Amino acid sequence: MIGFNIMNSTLISGILIWNDRKHGMFEQIMSGPFTRSHYILSNIFTIGIVGLVSASLIAVVGYPVFFDSVEFSLFTIPILIFGAITGSILFGSLASIISTRIHSSEGFNVIINTVFLFFAFVSTAFYPADGVPEPLRSAFYLNPLTYLVDVIRAGIFGTITEFVILEMLILVVIASALFVIASKLLTKLDF
């Protein structure tokens, strides 16, 4: 649920951009001592905070349910923070990319909800990849939410393996690529 919630909470990024375009807020922001880079960084900073706060709230509320299995340590807590921040950047950048390409709020909502529902149900967020038929199992590992959920599970339950470290690297690569694309699209966007 933490990974799923991080993904859903990053909708804020796309909604902020879309609303700023619609209501002329970007022009107001740019009339101050701010640049487009400041705007992009503040947007990413916002989704990072939302991701961390939502992950923390779910962990605190869910702790009584799974406290016997939890393996928090000085090594696993940074993995949880890494997962929350990287997942926020990844899905926030994806929402930003979609919001720069769509010109109506209805279109944005339909596309983002469809994409995020696909990510949710073709991932290990609700059921593990073990025992799943092969075409679906392969589809799981084409989905970045699978990597995010696996990293967060490893951080909570202390099951860090070489494969989890590989998943962390894959998350960084995907998040970095989407962030660069989103930044380029936002700097070229005509508000």
Foldseek 3Di string as FASTA:
>chain_A
DLLLVLLVLLLVLLVVVLVCVVVVVVVVVVVDPDDLVNVLVVSLVVSLVVLVVSSVVCCVVCCVVCVVQFDADPVLVVLLSLLSSLSSLLSNLVSLVLSLVDNDPVVSVVVSVVVSVVLCVLEPNPHDLPPDDPVSSVSRVVRLSNLSVVSNVCSTRVVDDPVNVVSSVVSNVSSVVSSVVSSVSSNPRDD
